[in-house]
Amino acid sequence: MEKNIKNRTFIFGLISSFLTIAYIFICIYVFFINKGNSNLITYLIRISIILILFSFITGLIGLIKAKKSLLGKILCIFSVSIFSIIVFLCLWAFYELTFPHKMSKKKDLERTSKLLELDLSDGKYIRRIENHSGFLGDGDYYAIIKFDTSNQIIESIKKNDNWKVSPLPKSLLYLLYDDEKNDNINFINDKRMVFPEPKNCYYYFFNRSDEFEKPNNRNPDFLLNWQYSYNFTVALFDLDNNIMYIYELDT
């Protein structure tokens, strides 16, 4: 009887460990190997969630039934520990998304620098509004950053092909300055988020709806048509006043 219990514990541990290892390999493939098949990634993520749940269940059952099977215990503890770490990371991510206002200005500048492909470390915030909240991080973000006249930001912008010189395309004019309340699409509803209309400026746009870099991600024309969700970043740099205006939307 005791031998059967040992065997069952070992089998549960073996199954849970196998599922956990399969989950780890899928994560490695999704985040480090696959470069462009978004449909495949969606299916793999769903499969990985099922795998890690089953590995936790089998590992927990193995621990409950464990007697003297040391190897079975180790295998079960391994699976349950991996699941616990994943849950902790998810809770931490939830906290970060739910309370984004706790991000320091320095950390926010670093994040925005990476997003806009520029070094913004010498900039100073004039205004910063963060409305993202909830587990999915829906909301919008607005910032005004002032730079000294001696700053090299303008040269950096001119050298970056993803920053375009004015005039703005119709889609961005619609996004930033449309005030028709009866439109089917209204983006910026917070009256504090104001964009000037500079005569001389550079603009930046990136559609973040697709996590993979594609040429079409730089084209804002999709804003003219309604779609289920929007995830994009737009920025203006006023050449006459050395001021940058940034807006992000996630729905």
Protein backbone atom coordinates (compact mmCIF):
# COMPACT_ATOMS: atom_id res chain seq x y z
CA MET A 1 0.00 0.00 0.00
CA GLU A 2 2.79 2.40 1.00
CA LYS A 3 4.62 1.60 -2.23
CA ASN A 4 1.52 2.46 -4.25
CA ILE A 5 1.25 5.83 -2.47
CA LYS A 6 4.92 6.52 -3.23
CA ASN A 7 4.36 5.64 -6.86
CA ARG A 8 1.31 7.87 -7.09
CA THR A 9 3.19 10.78 -5.51
CA PHE A 10 6.05 10.28 -7.93
CA ILE A 11 3.66 10.10 -10.90
CA PHE A 12 1.88 13.29 -9.83
CA GLY A 13 5.24 14.99 -9.36
CA LEU A 14 6.47 13.77 -12.73
CA ILE A 15 3.34 14.98 -14.54
CA SER A 16 3.33 18.38 -12.83
CA SER A 17 7.05 18.89 -13.53
CA PHE A 18 6.61 17.92 -17.18
CA LEU A 19 3.74 20.43 -17.55
CA THR A 20 5.80 23.15 -15.83
CA ILE A 21 8.81 22.55 -18.08
CA ALA A 22 6.55 22.62 -21.14
CA TYR A 23 5.18 25.97 -19.91
CA ILE A 24 8.71 27.35 -19.50
CA PHE A 25 9.71 26.28 -23.02
CA ILE A 26 6.59 27.90 -24.49
CA CYS A 27 7.40 31.16 -22.66
CA ILE A 28 10.97 31.09 -23.99
CA TYR A 29 9.68 30.58 -27.52
CA VAL A 30 7.04 33.33 -27.25
CA PHE A 31 9.28 36.00 -25.72
CA PHE A 32 12.71 35.25 -27.18
CA ILE A 33 12.42 33.19 -30.39
CA ASN A 34 9.19 33.93 -32.26
CA LYS A 35 9.37 37.25 -34.12
CA GLY A 36 6.20 37.74 -36.08
CA ASN A 37 3.40 35.16 -35.90
CA SER A 38 0.93 36.88 -33.57
CA ASN A 39 -1.80 34.24 -34.09
CA LEU A 40 0.55 31.45 -33.05
CA ILE A 41 1.59 33.42 -29.97
CA THR A 42 -2.04 33.88 -28.94
CA TYR A 43 -2.66 30.12 -29.07
CA LEU A 44 0.59 29.33 -27.27
CA ILE A 45 -0.21 31.74 -24.45
CA ARG A 46 -3.61 30.09 -23.96
CA ILE A 47 -2.00 26.65 -23.94
CA SER A 48 0.66 27.80 -21.48
CA ILE A 49 -1.99 29.06 -19.03
CA ILE A 50 -3.75 25.68 -19.14
CA LEU A 51 -0.43 23.86 -18.66
CA ILE A 52 0.62 25.86 -15.61
CA LEU A 53 -2.82 25.47 -13.99
CA PHE A 54 -2.77 21.70 -14.45
CA SER A 55 0.83 21.51 -13.22
CA PHE A 56 -0.21 23.35 -10.04
CA ILE A 57 -3.23 21.09 -9.48
CA THR A 58 -1.29 17.85 -10.01
CA GLY A 59 1.61 19.14 -7.92
CA LEU A 60 -0.72 20.09 -5.07
CA ILE A 61 -2.46 16.71 -5.18
CA GLY A 62 0.95 15.03 -5.11
CA LEU A 63 1.98 17.01 -2.01
CA ILE A 64 -1.27 16.22 -0.22
CA LYS A 65 -0.88 12.50 -0.90
CA ALA A 66 2.89 12.48 -0.33
CA LYS A 67 4.25 10.15 2.35
CA LYS A 68 7.87 9.09 2.02
CA SER A 69 8.47 9.64 -1.66
CA LEU A 70 11.22 12.28 -1.49
CA LEU A 71 11.67 12.57 -5.26
CA GLY A 72 7.91 12.91 -5.75
CA LYS A 73 7.81 15.68 -3.13
CA ILE A 74 10.66 17.56 -4.80
CA LEU A 75 8.97 17.39 -8.20
CA CYS A 76 5.65 18.56 -6.75
CA ILE A 77 7.29 21.40 -4.79
CA PHE A 78 9.06 22.52 -7.97
CA SER A 79 5.76 22.83 -9.87
CA VAL A 80 3.88 24.52 -7.02
CA SER A 81 6.77 26.97 -6.47
CA ILE A 82 6.87 27.98 -10.14
CA PHE A 83 3.11 28.58 -10.08
CA SER A 84 3.43 30.65 -6.88
CA ILE A 85 6.16 32.80 -8.47
CA ILE A 86 3.98 33.40 -11.53
CA VAL A 87 1.02 34.41 -9.34
CA PHE A 88 3.26 36.80 -7.39
CA LEU A 89 4.54 38.40 -10.60
CA CYS A 90 0.96 38.80 -11.87
CA LEU A 91 -0.08 40.49 -8.62
CA TRP A 92 2.95 42.78 -8.82
CA ALA A 93 2.06 43.69 -12.42
CA PHE A 94 -1.54 44.35 -11.32
CA TYR A 95 -0.27 46.72 -8.62
CA GLU A 96 1.97 48.56 -11.08
CA LEU A 97 -0.88 48.98 -13.57
CA THR A 98 -3.46 49.96 -10.96
CA PHE A 99 -1.26 52.57 -9.27
CA PRO A 100 0.85 54.04 -12.11
CA HIS A 101 0.94 57.48 -10.46
CA LYS A 102 3.52 56.13 -8.03
CA MET A 103 6.09 56.09 -10.85
CA SER A 104 8.77 58.71 -10.15
CA LYS A 105 9.41 61.50 -12.64
CA LYS A 106 12.90 60.15 -13.33
CA LYS A 107 11.58 56.65 -14.01
CA ASP A 108 8.81 58.08 -16.17
CA LEU A 109 11.35 60.07 -18.24
CA GLU A 110 13.36 56.88 -18.78
CA ARG A 111 10.23 55.01 -19.88
CA THR A 112 9.18 57.82 -22.23
CA SER A 113 12.71 58.12 -23.63
CA LYS A 114 12.64 54.47 -24.66
CA LEU A 115 9.18 54.85 -26.14
CA LEU A 116 10.03 57.94 -28.22
CA GLU A 117 13.54 56.75 -29.14
CA LEU A 118 15.17 59.86 -27.65
CA ASP A 119 17.18 60.84 -24.60
CA LEU A 120 14.79 62.97 -22.52
CA SER A 121 16.82 62.88 -19.30
CA ASP A 122 17.56 66.65 -19.43
CA GLY A 123 13.90 67.57 -19.79
CA LYS A 124 11.73 69.00 -17.01
CA TYR A 125 8.05 68.22 -16.58
CA ILE A 126 5.68 71.16 -16.82
CA ARG A 127 2.64 68.90 -16.54
CA ARG A 128 2.06 65.18 -16.18
CA ILE A 129 -1.37 63.50 -16.12
CA GLU A 130 -1.70 59.72 -15.73
CA ASN A 131 -5.16 58.18 -16.02
CA HIS A 132 -4.26 54.52 -16.63
CA SER A 133 -5.85 52.15 -14.14
CA GLY A 134 -7.13 48.61 -13.65
CA PHE A 135 -5.64 45.22 -14.46
CA LEU A 136 -5.67 45.84 -18.22
CA GLY A 137 -4.12 49.28 -17.81
CA ASP A 138 -6.76 51.13 -19.83
CA GLY A 139 -6.62 54.91 -19.85
CA ASP A 140 -4.57 57.77 -21.22
CA TYR A 141 -1.41 59.69 -20.36
CA TYR A 142 -0.38 63.26 -21.10
CA ALA A 143 2.85 65.13 -20.47
CA ILE A 144 4.52 68.44 -21.29
CA ILE A 145 8.32 68.46 -21.09
CA LYS A 146 10.45 71.60 -21.37
CA PHE A 147 14.04 71.58 -22.66
CA ASP A 148 16.77 74.22 -22.43
CA THR A 149 17.76 75.98 -25.65
CA SER A 150 21.25 74.48 -25.34
CA ASN A 151 19.88 70.95 -25.21
CA GLN A 152 20.75 68.60 -28.10
CA ILE A 153 17.22 67.23 -28.32
CA ILE A 154 16.50 68.97 -31.64
CA GLU A 155 19.52 67.39 -33.34
CA SER A 156 18.51 63.98 -32.00
CA ILE A 157 15.00 64.42 -33.39
CA LYS A 158 16.27 65.47 -36.81
CA LYS A 159 18.49 62.38 -36.98
CA ASN A 160 15.64 60.02 -36.08
CA ASP A 161 13.69 58.88 -39.15
CA ASN A 162 10.62 58.09 -37.05
CA TRP A 163 10.18 61.77 -36.20
CA LYS A 164 8.54 63.68 -39.05
CA VAL A 165 8.58 67.40 -39.77
CA SER A 166 5.31 69.38 -39.92
CA PRO A 167 2.72 69.80 -41.34
CA LEU A 168 0.74 67.16 -39.48
CA PRO A 169 -1.27 64.60 -41.47
CA LYS A 170 -5.06 64.86 -41.46
CA SER A 171 -5.41 61.95 -39.03
CA LEU A 172 -3.29 63.65 -36.34
CA LEU A 173 -5.08 66.95 -36.84
CA TYR A 174 -8.29 65.04 -36.24
CA LEU A 175 -6.84 63.35 -33.15
CA LEU A 176 -5.37 66.42 -31.48
CA TYR A 177 -7.70 69.25 -32.45
CA ASP A 178 -11.10 67.76 -33.27
CA ASP A 179 -13.75 69.35 -31.05
CA GLU A 180 -16.89 67.98 -32.68
CA LYS A 181 -18.77 66.44 -29.75
CA ASN A 182 -21.16 64.59 -32.05
CA ASP A 183 -18.40 62.59 -33.73
CA ASN A 184 -18.49 58.84 -33.37
CA ILE A 185 -14.83 58.90 -32.34
CA ASN A 186 -13.50 61.18 -29.60
CA PHE A 187 -10.05 60.51 -28.25
CA ILE A 188 -8.92 63.23 -25.83
CA ASN A 189 -11.76 63.96 -23.42
CA ASP A 190 -9.73 65.41 -20.54
CA LYS A 191 -9.79 69.21 -20.97
CA ARG A 192 -6.42 69.50 -19.23
CA MET A 193 -4.77 67.62 -22.10
CA VAL A 194 -4.25 70.48 -24.52
CA PHE A 195 -2.10 70.48 -27.65
CA PRO A 196 -1.02 73.80 -29.18
CA GLU A 197 -0.84 74.31 -32.93
CA PRO A 198 2.83 75.20 -33.49
CA LYS A 199 3.90 76.43 -36.90
CA ASN A 200 7.25 74.66 -36.68
CA CYS A 201 7.27 71.24 -35.14
CA TYR A 202 8.23 67.60 -35.43
CA TYR A 203 5.78 64.82 -34.66
CA TYR A 204 6.05 61.18 -33.68
CA PHE A 205 3.44 58.45 -33.92
CA PHE A 206 3.49 54.76 -33.05
CA ASN A 207 0.58 52.32 -33.09
CA ARG A 208 1.19 49.91 -30.20
CA SER A 209 -1.80 47.68 -30.96
CA ASP A 210 0.57 45.22 -32.62
CA GLU A 211 3.57 44.30 -30.47
CA PHE A 212 5.71 43.64 -33.55
CA GLU A 213 7.43 46.44 -35.44
CA LYS A 214 5.82 46.97 -38.83
CA PRO A 215 6.03 49.93 -41.26
CA ASN A 216 2.28 50.43 -40.96
CA ASN A 217 2.60 51.01 -37.20
CA ARG A 218 3.95 54.47 -38.02
CA ASN A 219 0.93 55.44 -40.10
CA PRO A 220 -1.77 57.25 -38.06
CA ASP A 221 -4.43 57.10 -40.79
CA PHE A 222 -6.23 54.24 -39.05
CA LEU A 223 -7.42 56.82 -36.50
CA LEU A 224 -9.94 58.08 -39.05
CA ASN A 225 -11.88 54.82 -38.81
CA TRP A 226 -13.57 53.35 -35.77
CA GLN A 227 -12.10 50.17 -34.32
CA TYR A 228 -12.61 48.08 -31.21
CA SER A 229 -9.55 49.29 -29.31
CA TYR A 230 -6.74 51.81 -29.63
CA ASN A 231 -3.21 51.64 -28.28
CA PHE A 232 -0.92 54.36 -29.56
CA THR A 233 1.57 57.06 -28.66
CA VAL A 234 1.80 60.49 -30.27
CA ALA A 235 4.21 63.32 -29.54
CA LEU A 236 4.80 66.86 -30.80
CA PHE A 237 7.98 68.88 -30.40
CA ASP A 238 7.53 72.65 -30.68
CA LEU A 239 10.74 73.92 -32.29
CA ASP A 240 10.07 77.56 -31.38
CA ASN A 241 9.67 76.91 -27.66
CA ASN A 242 11.63 73.69 -27.10
CA ILE A 243 8.60 71.99 -25.59
CA MET A 244 7.46 68.41 -26.13
CA TYR A 245 3.82 67.29 -25.82
CA ILE A 246 3.10 63.59 -25.37
CA TYR A 247 -0.14 61.63 -25.42
CA GLU A 248 -0.73 57.89 -24.96
CA LEU A 249 -4.03 56.03 -25.22
CA ASP A 250 -4.80 52.43 -24.24
CA THR A 251 -8.32 51.03 -24.51
